[in-house]
Amino acid sequence: MANIENRVQDLVENTIIELGYELYDVQYVKEGKDYYLRIYIDSKKGIDLEDCEKVSNEVSTILDKNDFIKEQYFLEISSPGIERILRKDKHLKDNIGEEVEVSLFKPIDKQKSIVGVLKDFDADTIEIEVENNILKIDRKNISLIKIKYNWE
C-alpha cells in the first residue's frame, strides 16, 4: 500500500501546492471491506470544508485520468487536525520540542502509551523527555506518534 501512497503523492503534490496548500500526508488503508484514500492537506491559515472540496475536485480528476488503483476506494480530503499523526521524518523534524503521545506495540515500564516532549530522532529511535528524563524508544516498537494537545 505504500507504493500507492507514494504514487498518489507524486501525482498530486504539485497540484495541491499550486492551489496554495501543503500536502501533509497520504494514506491508503483498508477498513473492513472498504478501501480509503486519505489525503491530508494543511496551510498556515488552517483548512476548512471549501479547501477540502477544492482539492478534492482537482485530485479526483488527476486520479481518474491516471486510474492505477485497482480496488474501488473512497477519497477523503481533510486537515491533519490538531492532534496530527507524525508518520514521516519531516513531521518529526517539524515538531521537535512539541508534546507528543507515543503508542507502543510492546510496553516500556508497563506502559503502552507515553506522553513527553519530542527531543530528537534518527532512523532507528526517537527520544522524548518524560519528567526530566530522556527516553529512547525503538521506532520499530512504535505503533503511532501524534501531537498531544492540552484540551483544558
N, C-alpha and C. Protein backbone atom coordinates (compact mmCIF):
# COMPACT_ATOMS: atom_id res chain seq x y z
N MET A 1 0.81 -1.20 0.00
CA MET A 1 0.00 0.00 0.00
C MET A 1 0.86 1.26 0.00
N ALA A 2 2.09 1.12 0.50
CA ALA A 2 2.99 2.28 0.50
C ALA A 2 3.29 2.74 -0.93
N ASN A 3 3.36 1.78 -1.87
CA ASN A 3 3.60 2.17 -3.26
C ASN A 3 2.48 3.04 -3.81
N ILE A 4 1.23 2.70 -3.46
CA ILE A 4 0.09 3.51 -3.90
C ILE A 4 0.18 4.89 -3.27
N GLU A 5 0.50 4.95 -1.98
CA GLU A 5 0.62 6.24 -1.29
C GLU A 5 1.69 7.11 -1.95
N ASN A 6 2.84 6.51 -2.24
CA ASN A 6 3.93 7.27 -2.88
C ASN A 6 3.55 7.74 -4.27
N ARG A 7 2.89 6.89 -5.01
CA ARG A 7 2.49 7.25 -6.38
C ARG A 7 1.45 8.38 -6.36
N VAL A 8 0.48 8.27 -5.45
CA VAL A 8 -0.52 9.34 -5.32
C VAL A 8 0.16 10.65 -4.93
N GLN A 9 1.08 10.59 -3.98
CA GLN A 9 1.79 11.80 -3.56
C GLN A 9 2.51 12.43 -4.74
N ASP A 10 3.22 11.62 -5.51
CA ASP A 10 3.95 12.13 -6.68
C ASP A 10 3.00 12.78 -7.69
N LEU A 11 1.83 12.18 -7.87
CA LEU A 11 0.87 12.68 -8.86
C LEU A 11 0.20 13.99 -8.45
N VAL A 12 -0.13 14.13 -7.16
CA VAL A 12 -0.99 15.25 -6.76
C VAL A 12 -0.28 16.38 -6.02
N GLU A 13 0.94 16.16 -5.57
CA GLU A 13 1.59 17.16 -4.71
C GLU A 13 1.73 18.52 -5.38
N ASN A 14 2.19 18.57 -6.62
CA ASN A 14 2.36 19.86 -7.29
C ASN A 14 1.04 20.59 -7.45
N THR A 15 -0.02 19.87 -7.77
CA THR A 15 -1.34 20.48 -7.92
C THR A 15 -1.80 21.07 -6.59
N ILE A 16 -1.60 20.33 -5.51
CA ILE A 16 -2.00 20.81 -4.19
C ILE A 16 -1.21 22.07 -3.82
N ILE A 17 0.07 22.08 -4.14
CA ILE A 17 0.90 23.26 -3.88
C ILE A 17 0.42 24.44 -4.72
N GLU A 18 0.12 24.19 -5.99
CA GLU A 18 -0.38 25.26 -6.87
C GLU A 18 -1.69 25.84 -6.37
N LEU A 19 -2.49 25.04 -5.68
CA LEU A 19 -3.75 25.52 -5.11
C LEU A 19 -3.53 26.31 -3.81
N GLY A 20 -2.28 26.31 -3.31
CA GLY A 20 -1.95 27.10 -2.13
C GLY A 20 -1.92 26.32 -0.83
N TYR A 21 -1.78 25.00 -0.93
CA TYR A 21 -1.78 24.16 0.26
C TYR A 21 -0.50 23.33 0.32
N GLU A 22 -0.29 22.71 1.47
CA GLU A 22 0.81 21.76 1.65
C GLU A 22 0.20 20.36 1.69
N LEU A 23 0.82 19.42 1.01
CA LEU A 23 0.42 18.02 1.13
C LEU A 23 1.08 17.48 2.39
N TYR A 24 0.27 17.22 3.41
CA TYR A 24 0.81 16.76 4.70
C TYR A 24 1.08 15.25 4.67
N ASP A 25 0.12 14.49 4.14
CA ASP A 25 0.29 13.03 4.14
C ASP A 25 -0.73 12.39 3.20
N VAL A 26 -0.42 11.15 2.81
CA VAL A 26 -1.33 10.33 2.01
C VAL A 26 -1.38 8.96 2.69
N GLN A 27 -2.60 8.46 2.89
CA GLN A 27 -2.77 7.13 3.46
C GLN A 27 -3.76 6.35 2.60
N TYR A 28 -3.39 5.12 2.29
CA TYR A 28 -4.28 4.21 1.58
C TYR A 28 -4.49 3.02 2.49
N VAL A 29 -5.72 2.87 3.02
CA VAL A 29 -5.97 1.85 4.03
C VAL A 29 -7.22 1.05 3.70
N LYS A 30 -7.25 -0.16 4.20
CA LYS A 30 -8.45 -1.00 4.10
C LYS A 30 -9.07 -1.05 5.48
N GLU A 31 -10.35 -0.71 5.54
CA GLU A 31 -11.10 -0.78 6.79
C GLU A 31 -12.33 -1.62 6.52
N GLY A 32 -12.38 -2.79 7.14
CA GLY A 32 -13.45 -3.73 6.82
C GLY A 32 -13.29 -4.17 5.38
N LYS A 33 -14.35 -4.04 4.60
CA LYS A 33 -14.28 -4.44 3.19
C LYS A 33 -13.97 -3.26 2.27
N ASP A 34 -13.87 -2.07 2.83
CA ASP A 34 -13.69 -0.86 2.03
C ASP A 34 -12.25 -0.33 2.08
N TYR A 35 -11.85 0.29 0.96
CA TYR A 35 -10.56 0.96 0.87
C TYR A 35 -10.78 2.47 0.93
N TYR A 36 -9.86 3.17 1.58
CA TYR A 36 -9.92 4.62 1.70
C TYR A 36 -8.59 5.22 1.27
N LEU A 37 -8.67 6.22 0.42
CA LEU A 37 -7.50 7.01 0.06
C LEU A 37 -7.68 8.35 0.77
N ARG A 38 -6.85 8.58 1.78
CA ARG A 38 -6.95 9.79 2.59
C ARG A 38 -5.78 10.71 2.27
N ILE A 39 -6.12 11.91 1.87
CA ILE A 39 -5.12 12.91 1.56
C ILE A 39 -5.29 14.04 2.55
N TYR A 40 -4.24 14.31 3.31
CA TYR A 40 -4.27 15.35 4.33
C TYR A 40 -3.55 16.58 3.80
N ILE A 41 -4.24 17.72 3.87
CA ILE A 41 -3.66 18.98 3.40
C ILE A 41 -3.58 19.95 4.57
N ASP A 42 -2.69 20.91 4.44
CA ASP A 42 -2.50 21.88 5.52
C ASP A 42 -2.18 23.24 4.91
N SER A 43 -2.35 24.28 5.69
CA SER A 43 -1.93 25.62 5.30
C SER A 43 -1.79 26.45 6.57
N LYS A 44 -1.08 27.55 6.47
CA LYS A 44 -0.86 28.42 7.64
C LYS A 44 -2.16 28.99 8.18
N LYS A 45 -3.15 29.20 7.31
CA LYS A 45 -4.43 29.77 7.75
C LYS A 45 -5.41 28.70 8.23
N GLY A 46 -5.01 27.43 8.16
CA GLY A 46 -5.91 26.35 8.53
C GLY A 46 -6.65 25.82 7.31
N ILE A 47 -7.45 24.80 7.53
CA ILE A 47 -8.19 24.15 6.45
C ILE A 47 -9.67 24.13 6.81
N ASP A 48 -10.50 24.51 5.83
CA ASP A 48 -11.94 24.40 6.04
C ASP A 48 -12.55 23.52 4.95
N LEU A 49 -13.86 23.36 5.01
CA LEU A 49 -14.56 22.47 4.09
C LEU A 49 -14.39 22.89 2.63
N GLU A 50 -14.40 24.19 2.37
CA GLU A 50 -14.21 24.67 0.99
C GLU A 50 -12.84 24.31 0.45
N ASP A 51 -11.82 24.38 1.32
CA ASP A 51 -10.47 23.98 0.91
C ASP A 51 -10.45 22.51 0.50
N CYS A 52 -11.08 21.68 1.33
CA CYS A 52 -11.11 20.24 1.04
C CYS A 52 -11.86 19.96 -0.26
N GLU A 53 -12.95 20.67 -0.47
CA GLU A 53 -13.73 20.48 -1.70
C GLU A 53 -12.92 20.88 -2.93
N LYS A 54 -12.22 22.02 -2.84
CA LYS A 54 -11.42 22.49 -3.97
C LYS A 54 -10.33 21.46 -4.32
N VAL A 55 -9.64 20.97 -3.31
CA VAL A 55 -8.57 19.98 -3.54
C VAL A 55 -9.17 18.67 -4.05
N SER A 56 -10.29 18.26 -3.49
CA SER A 56 -10.94 17.02 -3.91
C SER A 56 -11.29 17.04 -5.40
N ASN A 57 -11.84 18.15 -5.86
CA ASN A 57 -12.21 18.26 -7.27
C ASN A 57 -11.00 18.11 -8.18
N GLU A 58 -9.90 18.76 -7.84
CA GLU A 58 -8.69 18.69 -8.67
C GLU A 58 -8.04 17.31 -8.60
N VAL A 59 -7.93 16.77 -7.39
CA VAL A 59 -7.27 15.48 -7.19
C VAL A 59 -8.08 14.36 -7.85
N SER A 60 -9.40 14.41 -7.75
CA SER A 60 -10.25 13.39 -8.36
C SER A 60 -9.99 13.29 -9.86
N THR A 61 -9.88 14.44 -10.50
CA THR A 61 -9.62 14.47 -11.93
C THR A 61 -8.29 13.79 -12.26
N ILE A 62 -7.26 14.10 -11.48
CA ILE A 62 -5.93 13.52 -11.71
C ILE A 62 -5.97 12.01 -11.50
N LEU A 63 -6.60 11.57 -10.41
CA LEU A 63 -6.65 10.14 -10.11
C LEU A 63 -7.47 9.39 -11.15
N ASP A 64 -8.59 9.98 -11.59
CA ASP A 64 -9.41 9.33 -12.63
C ASP A 64 -8.64 9.20 -13.94
N LYS A 65 -7.88 10.24 -14.27
CA LYS A 65 -7.11 10.22 -15.52
C LYS A 65 -6.02 9.14 -15.49
N ASN A 66 -5.37 8.98 -14.34
CA ASN A 66 -4.28 8.00 -14.23
C ASN A 66 -4.77 6.59 -13.92
N ASP A 67 -5.86 6.47 -13.22
CA ASP A 67 -6.59 5.21 -12.99
C ASP A 67 -5.68 4.01 -12.71
N PHE A 68 -4.82 4.09 -11.72
CA PHE A 68 -3.91 2.99 -11.42
C PHE A 68 -4.28 2.22 -10.16
N ILE A 69 -5.26 2.69 -9.39
CA ILE A 69 -5.68 1.96 -8.19
C ILE A 69 -6.76 0.97 -8.62
N LYS A 70 -6.46 -0.32 -8.44
CA LYS A 70 -7.34 -1.37 -8.94
C LYS A 70 -8.64 -1.48 -8.15
N GLU A 71 -8.56 -1.34 -6.83
CA GLU A 71 -9.73 -1.50 -5.99
C GLU A 71 -10.61 -0.24 -6.04
N GLN A 72 -11.89 -0.43 -5.78
CA GLN A 72 -12.77 0.72 -5.60
C GLN A 72 -12.42 1.31 -4.24
N TYR A 73 -12.38 2.63 -4.15
CA TYR A 73 -11.99 3.28 -2.89
C TYR A 73 -12.79 4.56 -2.69
N PHE A 74 -12.79 5.02 -1.46
CA PHE A 74 -13.39 6.30 -1.10
C PHE A 74 -12.27 7.31 -0.95
N LEU A 75 -12.40 8.46 -1.60
CA LEU A 75 -11.41 9.53 -1.49
C LEU A 75 -11.84 10.48 -0.38
N GLU A 76 -10.95 10.73 0.56
CA GLU A 76 -11.21 11.68 1.64
C GLU A 76 -10.09 12.72 1.65
N ILE A 77 -10.47 13.98 1.65
CA ILE A 77 -9.51 15.08 1.78
C ILE A 77 -9.81 15.77 3.10
N SER A 78 -8.79 15.95 3.93
CA SER A 78 -9.03 16.62 5.22
C SER A 78 -7.75 17.24 5.76
N SER A 79 -7.92 17.97 6.83
CA SER A 79 -6.81 18.53 7.59
C SER A 79 -6.21 17.42 8.44
N PRO A 80 -4.92 17.50 8.76
CA PRO A 80 -4.34 16.52 9.66
C PRO A 80 -4.84 16.70 11.10
N GLY A 81 -5.46 17.84 11.40
CA GLY A 81 -6.03 18.07 12.72
C GLY A 81 -5.03 18.57 13.74
N ILE A 82 -5.54 18.92 14.90
CA ILE A 82 -4.69 19.45 15.97
C ILE A 82 -3.78 18.36 16.52
N GLU A 83 -4.34 17.17 16.74
CA GLU A 83 -3.55 16.05 17.25
C GLU A 83 -3.08 15.19 16.07
N ARG A 84 -2.31 15.85 15.20
CA ARG A 84 -1.89 15.21 13.96
C ARG A 84 -0.93 14.06 14.19
N ILE A 85 -1.05 13.07 13.35
CA ILE A 85 -0.17 11.90 13.39
C ILE A 85 1.15 12.27 12.72
N LEU A 86 2.24 11.83 13.34
CA LEU A 86 3.58 12.09 12.83
C LEU A 86 4.12 10.80 12.23
N ARG A 87 3.95 10.63 10.92
CA ARG A 87 4.36 9.39 10.24
C ARG A 87 5.70 9.50 9.56
N LYS A 88 6.08 10.69 9.16
CA LYS A 88 7.28 10.86 8.34
C LYS A 88 8.35 11.62 9.13
N ASP A 89 9.59 11.45 8.68
CA ASP A 89 10.69 12.17 9.33
C ASP A 89 10.45 13.68 9.30
N LYS A 90 9.89 14.20 8.21
CA LYS A 90 9.60 15.63 8.12
C LYS A 90 8.64 16.05 9.23
N HIS A 91 7.64 15.22 9.51
CA HIS A 91 6.69 15.52 10.59
C HIS A 91 7.41 15.58 11.93
N LEU A 92 8.31 14.62 12.17
CA LEU A 92 9.07 14.61 13.42
C LEU A 92 9.95 15.85 13.51
N LYS A 93 10.67 16.14 12.45
CA LYS A 93 11.58 17.30 12.45
C LYS A 93 10.82 18.60 12.73
N ASP A 94 9.65 18.76 12.11
CA ASP A 94 8.86 19.97 12.28
C ASP A 94 8.26 20.11 13.68
N ASN A 95 8.27 19.02 14.45
CA ASN A 95 7.62 19.04 15.76
C ASN A 95 8.56 18.76 16.93
N ILE A 96 9.86 18.89 16.70
CA ILE A 96 10.82 18.80 17.81
C ILE A 96 10.45 19.88 18.83
N GLY A 97 10.41 19.51 20.09
CA GLY A 97 10.05 20.45 21.15
C GLY A 97 8.57 20.45 21.50
N GLU A 98 7.77 19.71 20.73
CA GLU A 98 6.33 19.64 20.99
C GLU A 98 6.02 18.41 21.87
N GLU A 99 4.92 18.50 22.60
CA GLU A 99 4.48 17.37 23.40
C GLU A 99 3.80 16.35 22.47
N VAL A 100 4.20 15.09 22.61
CA VAL A 100 3.67 14.03 21.78
C VAL A 100 3.18 12.87 22.64
N GLU A 101 2.31 12.07 22.05
CA GLU A 101 1.88 10.83 22.67
C GLU A 101 2.36 9.70 21.78
N VAL A 102 3.09 8.77 22.37
CA VAL A 102 3.66 7.65 21.63
C VAL A 102 2.95 6.37 22.08
N SER A 103 2.32 5.68 21.13
CA SER A 103 1.68 4.39 21.40
C SER A 103 2.63 3.29 20.96
N LEU A 104 2.76 2.28 21.80
CA LEU A 104 3.76 1.23 21.59
C LEU A 104 3.12 -0.13 21.32
N PHE A 105 3.85 -0.96 20.57
CA PHE A 105 3.43 -2.35 20.38
C PHE A 105 3.70 -3.16 21.65
N LYS A 106 4.91 -2.96 22.23
CA LYS A 106 5.28 -3.66 23.46
C LYS A 106 5.51 -2.60 24.55
N PRO A 107 4.98 -2.85 25.76
CA PRO A 107 5.10 -1.85 26.82
C PRO A 107 6.55 -1.59 27.25
N ILE A 108 6.76 -0.36 27.68
CA ILE A 108 8.01 0.04 28.34
C ILE A 108 7.62 0.45 29.76
N ASP A 109 8.23 -0.19 30.76
CA ASP A 109 7.86 0.06 32.16
C ASP A 109 6.35 -0.08 32.36
N LYS A 110 5.78 -1.12 31.76
CA LYS A 110 4.35 -1.47 31.87
C LYS A 110 3.42 -0.44 31.24
N GLN A 111 3.96 0.44 30.39
CA GLN A 111 3.13 1.45 29.72
C GLN A 111 3.19 1.24 28.21
N LYS A 112 1.99 1.24 27.59
CA LYS A 112 1.92 1.15 26.14
C LYS A 112 1.66 2.50 25.49
N SER A 113 1.49 3.53 26.32
CA SER A 113 1.31 4.90 25.84
C SER A 113 2.14 5.82 26.71
N ILE A 114 2.98 6.61 26.07
CA ILE A 114 3.89 7.50 26.80
C ILE A 114 3.73 8.91 26.24
N VAL A 115 3.60 9.88 27.14
CA VAL A 115 3.49 11.28 26.76
C VAL A 115 4.75 12.00 27.20
N GLY A 116 5.34 12.77 26.29
CA GLY A 116 6.53 13.54 26.61
C GLY A 116 6.84 14.52 25.50
N VAL A 117 7.93 15.23 25.65
CA VAL A 117 8.35 16.22 24.66
C VAL A 117 9.32 15.57 23.69
N LEU A 118 9.01 15.68 22.40
CA LEU A 118 9.87 15.14 21.36
C LEU A 118 11.18 15.92 21.34
N LYS A 119 12.29 15.22 21.55
CA LYS A 119 13.60 15.88 21.61
C LYS A 119 14.45 15.63 20.37
N ASP A 120 14.43 14.40 19.86
CA ASP A 120 15.30 14.07 18.72
C ASP A 120 14.83 12.74 18.13
N PHE A 121 15.39 12.40 16.98
CA PHE A 121 15.08 11.12 16.34
C PHE A 121 16.19 10.81 15.34
N ASP A 122 16.27 9.52 15.01
CA ASP A 122 17.12 9.08 13.90
C ASP A 122 16.38 7.94 13.21
N ALA A 123 17.05 7.22 12.37
CA ALA A 123 16.39 6.17 11.59
C ALA A 123 15.84 5.05 12.47
N ASP A 124 16.44 4.83 13.64
CA ASP A 124 16.08 3.69 14.48
C ASP A 124 15.32 4.05 15.75
N THR A 125 15.50 5.27 16.26
CA THR A 125 14.92 5.62 17.55
C THR A 125 14.33 7.03 17.55
N ILE A 126 13.47 7.27 18.53
CA ILE A 126 13.08 8.65 18.84
C ILE A 126 13.41 8.87 20.31
N GLU A 127 13.65 10.12 20.65
CA GLU A 127 13.92 10.48 22.04
C GLU A 127 12.84 11.43 22.51
N ILE A 128 12.23 11.10 23.65
CA ILE A 128 11.28 12.02 24.25
C ILE A 128 11.68 12.26 25.70
N GLU A 129 11.39 13.46 26.16
CA GLU A 129 11.67 13.82 27.54
C GLU A 129 10.40 13.60 28.35
N VAL A 130 10.53 12.74 29.38
CA VAL A 130 9.43 12.44 30.27
C VAL A 130 9.90 12.72 31.69
N GLU A 131 9.28 13.71 32.34
CA GLU A 131 9.62 14.08 33.72
C GLU A 131 11.13 14.27 33.88
N ASN A 132 11.72 15.09 33.03
CA ASN A 132 13.15 15.45 33.06
C ASN A 132 14.10 14.29 32.76
N ASN A 133 13.59 13.19 32.24
CA ASN A 133 14.42 12.07 31.81
C ASN A 133 14.24 11.88 30.31
N ILE A 134 15.34 11.58 29.63
CA ILE A 134 15.27 11.29 28.19
C ILE A 134 15.05 9.80 28.00
N LEU A 135 13.99 9.47 27.27
CA LEU A 135 13.64 8.09 26.99
C LEU A 135 13.87 7.84 25.50
N LYS A 136 14.70 6.83 25.19
CA LYS A 136 14.93 6.42 23.81
C LYS A 136 14.02 5.26 23.50
N ILE A 137 13.25 5.40 22.41
CA ILE A 137 12.30 4.37 22.03
C ILE A 137 12.64 3.88 20.63
N ASP A 138 12.72 2.55 20.48
CA ASP A 138 12.94 1.97 19.15
C ASP A 138 11.75 2.27 18.26
N ARG A 139 12.00 2.79 17.09
CA ARG A 139 10.91 3.14 16.18
C ARG A 139 10.10 1.92 15.76
N LYS A 140 10.74 0.75 15.70
CA LYS A 140 10.01 -0.46 15.32
C LYS A 140 8.99 -0.86 16.39
N ASN A 141 9.09 -0.32 17.60
CA ASN A 141 8.13 -0.61 18.68
C ASN A 141 7.00 0.43 18.72
N ILE A 142 7.03 1.41 17.83
CA ILE A 142 6.04 2.49 17.86
C ILE A 142 4.92 2.19 16.88
N SER A 143 3.71 2.15 17.39
CA SER A 143 2.56 1.94 16.50
C SER A 143 2.01 3.29 16.02
N LEU A 144 2.20 4.35 16.83
CA LEU A 144 1.65 5.66 16.46
C LEU A 144 2.32 6.75 17.29
N ILE A 145 2.62 7.86 16.63
CA ILE A 145 3.07 9.07 17.32
C ILE A 145 2.15 10.19 16.87
N LYS A 146 1.63 10.94 17.83
CA LYS A 146 0.79 12.08 17.47
C LYS A 146 1.04 13.24 18.42
N ILE A 147 0.70 14.43 17.95
CA ILE A 147 0.80 15.61 18.79
C ILE A 147 -0.21 15.47 19.93
N LYS A 148 0.21 15.81 21.12
CA LYS A 148 -0.67 15.77 22.28
C LYS A 148 -1.15 17.20 22.55
N TYR A 149 -2.42 17.42 22.36
CA TYR A 149 -3.00 18.75 22.58
C TYR A 149 -3.64 18.79 23.95
N ASN A 150 -3.39 19.85 24.71
CA ASN A 150 -3.99 20.02 26.02
C ASN A 150 -5.37 20.65 25.83
N TRP A 151 -6.43 19.87 26.00
CA TRP A 151 -7.79 20.30 25.74
C TRP A 151 -8.39 21.12 26.88
N GLU A 152 -7.64 21.33 27.95
CA GLU A 152 -8.19 22.09 29.09
C GLU A 152 -8.13 23.57 28.89
